[in-house]
Amino acid sequence: MNTMEMKGNWTDLKGQIKEKWGELTDDDLTRIDGKRDQLVGAVQKRYGVAQSAAEREIDSWLSSR
């Protein structure tokens, strides 16, 4: 799934993202609004991981969709 597909499917993906990364808040998801870089930043902040680790985890999750 690429960035455009993520943005286009954001409403459907939000629930799945909450299941995967439960520490993300509804406000986080509203702010992210389908933007991959914003999702990376939110995962970094909530889980205290490095940017590269967050990117790998998100890329892996997106590729499994």
Protein backbone atom coordinates (compact mmCIF):
# COMPACT_ATOMS: atom_id res chain seq x y z
CA MET A 1 0.00 0.00 0.00
CA ASN A 2 1.47 3.34 -0.98
CA THR A 3 0.92 6.76 0.58
CA MET A 4 -1.92 7.69 -1.78
CA GLU A 5 -3.75 4.45 -1.02
CA MET A 6 -3.23 5.01 2.69
CA LYS A 7 -4.72 8.51 2.47
CA GLY A 8 -7.65 7.24 0.38
CA ASN A 9 -8.40 4.38 2.78
CA TRP A 10 -7.73 6.31 5.98
CA THR A 11 -11.23 5.91 7.42
CA ASP A 12 -11.01 2.13 7.07
CA LEU A 13 -7.42 1.96 8.30
CA LYS A 14 -7.94 3.93 11.50
CA GLY A 15 -9.55 1.01 13.32
CA GLN A 16 -6.81 -1.36 12.20
CA ILE A 17 -4.15 1.12 13.28
CA LYS A 18 -5.78 1.42 16.72
CA GLU A 19 -5.64 -2.38 17.01
CA LYS A 20 -1.95 -2.46 16.03
CA TRP A 21 -0.82 0.65 17.93
CA GLY A 22 -3.35 0.97 20.75
CA GLU A 23 -1.51 3.80 22.46
CA LEU A 24 -2.35 6.16 19.59
CA THR A 25 -5.25 8.40 20.53
CA ASP A 26 -8.20 9.48 18.42
CA ASP A 27 -6.62 12.94 18.33
CA ASP A 28 -3.41 11.38 16.97
CA LEU A 29 -5.38 9.63 14.23
CA THR A 30 -7.24 12.82 13.34
CA ARG A 31 -3.96 14.73 13.11
CA ILE A 32 -2.26 11.98 11.08
CA ASP A 33 -5.08 12.01 8.50
CA GLY A 34 -3.50 9.34 6.30
CA LYS A 35 -0.01 10.86 6.17
CA ARG A 36 2.70 8.23 6.58
CA ASP A 37 5.28 10.65 8.01
CA GLN A 38 2.78 11.78 10.65
CA LEU A 39 2.07 8.15 11.56
CA VAL A 40 5.80 7.50 11.90
CA GLY A 41 6.13 10.49 14.24
CA ALA A 42 3.16 9.45 16.36
CA VAL A 43 4.44 5.88 16.73
CA GLN A 44 7.87 7.25 17.66
CA LYS A 45 6.40 9.52 20.31
CA ARG A 46 3.93 7.07 21.87
CA TYR A 47 6.24 4.06 21.87
CA GLY A 48 9.61 5.72 22.37
CA VAL A 49 11.25 4.09 19.36
CA ALA A 50 13.69 5.48 16.83
CA GLN A 51 12.40 6.85 13.55
CA SER A 52 13.98 4.00 11.59
CA ALA A 53 12.33 1.39 13.82
CA ALA A 54 8.93 3.08 13.49
CA GLU A 55 9.32 3.28 9.70
CA ARG A 56 10.24 -0.41 9.44
CA GLU A 57 7.30 -1.47 11.59
CA ILE A 58 4.85 0.69 9.65
CA ASP A 59 6.23 -0.41 6.26
CA SER A 60 5.97 -4.04 7.30
CA TRP A 61 2.39 -3.54 8.48
CA LEU A 62 1.40 -1.66 5.32
CA SER A 63 2.93 -4.29 3.04
CA SER A 64 0.85 -6.97 4.74
CA ARG A 65 -2.37 -5.15 3.83
